[in-house]
Protein backbone atom coordinates (compact mmCIF):
# COMPACT_ATOMS: atom_id res chain seq x y z
CA MET A 1 36.23 2.74 12.01
CA ASN A 2 36.44 6.40 10.94
CA ILE A 3 39.13 6.17 7.71
CA LYS A 4 38.62 7.83 4.45
CA ASP A 5 40.79 8.05 1.57
CA ASN A 6 41.71 11.96 0.23
CA SER A 7 38.14 12.80 -1.15
CA ASN A 8 36.45 12.06 1.98
CA LYS A 9 34.56 8.20 0.92
CA ASN A 10 34.61 6.04 3.41
CA ILE A 11 33.67 1.63 3.41
CA LEU A 12 30.67 2.83 2.85
CA HIS A 13 30.33 4.69 -0.38
CA TYR A 14 32.78 2.00 -1.68
CA LEU A 15 30.01 -1.20 -0.50
CA SER A 16 27.79 1.39 -2.09
CA MET A 17 29.64 1.72 -5.64
CA SER A 18 31.13 -1.96 -5.79
CA SER A 19 29.58 -4.45 -8.34
CA GLU A 20 27.76 -6.08 -6.22
CA ASN A 21 23.65 -5.90 -6.43
CA LEU A 22 22.70 -5.73 -3.23
CA ILE A 23 24.14 -5.04 0.58
CA ILE A 24 23.82 -7.85 3.10
CA SER A 25 23.22 -6.37 6.13
CA LYS A 26 24.24 -9.01 9.04
CA ILE A 27 27.64 -8.48 7.90
CA LEU A 28 27.10 -4.18 7.90
CA LEU A 29 25.66 -4.32 11.51
CA SER A 30 28.16 -7.11 12.84
CA THR A 31 30.99 -5.46 10.82
CA PHE A 32 30.24 -1.76 11.81
CA ASN A 33 27.96 -2.15 15.05
CA LYS A 34 27.46 1.45 16.63
CA SER A 35 28.98 3.49 13.44
CA TYR A 36 27.08 2.08 10.82
CA ASP A 37 24.71 4.53 11.22
CA THR A 38 27.47 7.43 10.99
CA LEU A 39 29.14 6.45 8.07
CA LEU A 40 25.88 6.13 6.59
CA GLY A 41 25.19 10.28 6.89
CA GLU A 42 28.96 11.34 6.31
CA GLN A 43 29.21 13.23 2.52
CA ASP A 44 32.19 12.90 0.46
CA VAL A 45 34.02 16.64 -1.37
CA ASP A 46 31.08 16.03 -4.08
CA GLY A 47 28.46 15.79 -1.24
CA ARG A 48 27.29 12.55 -1.52
CA THR A 49 26.52 9.65 0.64
CA PRO A 50 26.62 6.40 0.36
CA LEU A 51 22.91 6.56 -0.18
CA HIS A 52 23.49 8.09 -2.91
CA TYR A 53 25.87 6.36 -4.50
CA ALA A 54 23.74 3.15 -3.78
CA ALA A 55 20.67 5.05 -5.18
CA LEU A 56 22.51 5.63 -8.62
CA SER A 57 22.80 2.10 -8.92
CA GLY A 58 19.80 0.55 -7.56
CA LYS A 59 21.79 -1.28 -4.39
CA TYR A 60 19.50 -1.33 -1.41
CA ILE A 61 19.96 -2.77 1.38
CA TRP A 62 18.97 -6.52 2.13
CA GLU A 63 17.27 -8.40 4.95
CA ASP A 64 16.71 -11.83 4.96
CA ILE A 65 14.05 -12.07 7.06
CA ASP A 66 9.90 -10.54 6.56
CA TYR A 67 10.73 -6.78 8.47
CA TRP A 68 12.92 -3.89 8.27
CA THR A 69 15.86 -4.57 11.39
CA ILE A 70 17.89 -1.37 10.05
CA SER A 71 16.33 1.16 11.41
CA PHE A 72 19.15 4.73 10.51
CA ASN A 73 18.57 7.84 10.85
CA PRO A 74 15.35 8.98 7.55
CA MET A 75 17.14 12.39 7.17
CA HIS A 76 20.09 9.87 5.38
CA TYR A 77 17.34 10.25 2.36
CA MET A 78 17.36 13.82 2.63
CA ILE A 79 20.87 15.18 2.83
CA ARG A 80 21.47 17.05 -0.28
CA ASP A 81 24.90 16.72 -3.22
CA LYS A 82 26.70 19.64 -4.55
CA ASN A 83 24.55 19.53 -6.80
CA ASN A 84 21.35 20.07 -4.76
CA ARG A 85 20.34 16.44 -5.31
CA THR A 86 18.59 14.14 -2.20
CA VAL A 87 18.78 10.54 -2.39
CA LEU A 88 15.64 10.12 -3.99
CA ASP A 89 16.51 12.86 -6.42
CA LEU A 90 18.96 10.14 -7.85
CA LEU A 91 17.18 7.42 -7.70
CA PHE A 92 14.51 8.81 -9.46
CA THR A 93 16.57 10.56 -12.41
CA SER A 94 19.41 7.07 -12.62
CA MET A 95 16.66 4.79 -12.90
CA PRO A 96 16.30 3.17 -16.53
CA SER A 97 13.23 3.23 -18.17
CA LEU A 98 11.08 -0.15 -18.47
CA GLN A 99 10.67 -0.55 -22.36
CA PRO A 100 7.46 -2.03 -23.85
CA LYS A 101 7.53 -5.64 -25.47
CA PHE A 102 4.97 -5.47 -28.18
CA GLY A 103 3.33 -2.86 -26.61
CA LYS A 104 2.96 -4.68 -23.26
CA LEU A 105 4.63 -3.98 -20.27
CA ASP A 106 4.94 -7.20 -17.81
CA VAL A 107 3.43 -6.49 -14.95
CA ARG A 108 3.43 -9.85 -12.36
CA THR A 109 1.82 -10.86 -9.66
CA HIS A 110 1.93 -13.56 -7.48
CA TYR A 111 -1.19 -15.61 -6.53
CA ASN A 112 -0.50 -15.47 -2.64
CA CYS A 113 0.19 -12.15 -2.45
CA ASP A 114 -2.33 -8.78 -3.87
CA LEU A 115 -0.44 -5.91 -5.40
CA THR A 116 -1.34 -3.98 -2.07
CA ASP A 117 -0.21 -6.13 -0.12
CA LEU A 118 3.30 -6.57 -1.66
CA PHE A 119 3.93 -3.03 -1.12
CA LYS A 120 3.38 -2.99 3.27
CA ILE A 121 4.86 -3.79 6.16
CA PRO A 122 6.60 -7.10 6.80
CA GLY A 123 3.63 -7.25 3.44
CA CYS A 124 5.15 -10.36 1.47
CA ALA A 125 8.21 -9.73 1.45
CA ASP A 126 9.83 -12.83 0.01
CA ILE A 127 8.09 -11.88 -3.11
CA ARG A 128 8.93 -8.47 -3.11
CA TYR A 129 12.36 -9.09 -3.28
CA GLU A 130 11.33 -11.40 -6.85
CA ILE A 131 8.95 -9.61 -8.41
CA LEU A 132 10.47 -5.75 -8.25
CA ASP A 133 13.74 -5.08 -9.35
CA ASN A 134 17.13 -3.53 -7.74
CA PHE A 135 16.15 -0.28 -8.36
CA GLU A 136 12.51 -0.89 -7.18
CA ASN A 137 13.39 -2.34 -4.09
CA PHE A 138 16.00 1.05 -3.24
CA ALA A 139 12.76 3.31 -3.46
CA PHE A 140 10.23 0.49 -1.28
CA GLN A 141 13.21 0.70 1.10
CA ALA A 142 13.64 4.42 1.92
CA PHE A 143 9.59 4.99 1.80
CA SER A 144 9.04 1.81 4.31
CA ASN A 145 12.25 4.18 6.45
CA LEU A 146 10.30 7.81 5.10
CA LYS A 147 6.88 6.67 6.64
CA ASP A 148 6.79 7.58 9.78
CA THR A 149 8.15 11.02 9.17
CA ASN A 150 7.18 13.57 8.44
CA LEU A 151 9.71 14.15 5.46
CA LEU A 152 7.76 13.28 2.71
CA HIS A 153 5.45 15.84 1.49
CA LYS A 154 2.69 15.98 -0.86
CA ARG A 155 5.33 18.41 -3.65
CA ASN A 156 7.96 14.92 -3.58
CA ILE A 157 5.54 12.56 -4.08
CA PHE A 158 3.95 14.27 -6.53
CA ASN A 159 7.38 14.54 -9.29
CA PHE A 160 8.39 10.76 -7.34
CA MET A 161 5.03 9.24 -9.06
CA GLN A 162 5.95 11.50 -12.17
CA GLY A 163 8.87 10.18 -12.50
CA ALA A 164 7.78 6.68 -12.34
CA LEU A 165 5.39 7.67 -15.19
CA LYS A 166 7.52 8.48 -17.32
CA LYS A 167 9.82 5.63 -17.17
CA ASN A 168 6.67 2.82 -16.99
CA ARG A 169 7.28 2.02 -13.52
CA PHE A 170 3.88 0.44 -12.65
CA TYR A 171 5.25 -0.98 -9.96
CA LEU A 172 6.54 2.31 -8.31
CA LEU A 173 3.79 3.89 -9.04
CA PHE A 174 1.65 1.88 -7.48
CA MET A 175 3.73 1.33 -4.26
CA ILE A 176 4.16 5.98 -4.63
CA LYS A 177 -0.03 5.28 -4.13
CA VAL A 178 -0.13 2.70 -1.16
CA PHE A 179 3.24 4.70 1.39
CA LEU A 180 1.33 7.94 0.39
CA VAL A 181 -2.48 6.77 1.82
CA ILE A 182 0.01 5.91 5.04
CA CYS A 183 1.37 8.84 4.96
CA THR A 184 -1.79 10.84 4.75
CA ASP A 185 -3.86 8.57 7.28
CA GLN A 186 -0.72 9.22 10.16
CA LEU A 187 -1.40 13.39 9.10
CA SER A 188 -5.26 12.88 9.97
CA ASN A 189 -4.43 10.82 13.19
C-alpha cells in the first residue's frame, strides 16, 4: 500500500495523528503485512515519520499478549525531522509534566509486580498498561526496541533522564535506569 497525500503522509501518519489513544498491532499487521516497516519509516514534507506523530501525542502500539511481536527497524526512532529532532526528542518535549497533588506525586505499584519487573520484558505487561500513561508506554516500547542496539548513547540517556526529572516522571526515570543497566551489561559482554 503506497498511497500518500500532497504532504507525503501515508496511512500510518494519519493513524498516528488520529484521536485514538493506542494503535492495535493485529489490525496493522493484518492490513499492511510486509509494507508496515516501510510505511513506518516514510517521512512527510516536514521530515516526520508516523512515529514522530505518535510520540507527539503519546500513542503507542498495543500488544494484547505478554511480549512484543512487532519488530520494526529500530533506526526509525533515530530519523530526524526538519528541525533535527528524533522521535524520542519529540516524546520528551511534548509529554506533559506531572503535577504533584498536595505536594506529593502518586506512585502506584501492584502487589504482584515489583518496580524493576514493571520495566522488564515480558515482566508485568498487563499491569504496566494500567499504571503507565500513554507517553510512558510509548517510551517503554521505544526503549524495548532500542535496548539491543547501539543506538542509545550515554548522552541521549542523560538528556532523557533530565527531561523525565524536569517533568516529574518518576516511572520514566526508573524505566530509563532499568534500560541503562541492560544496555551497560550488553556493552560489557
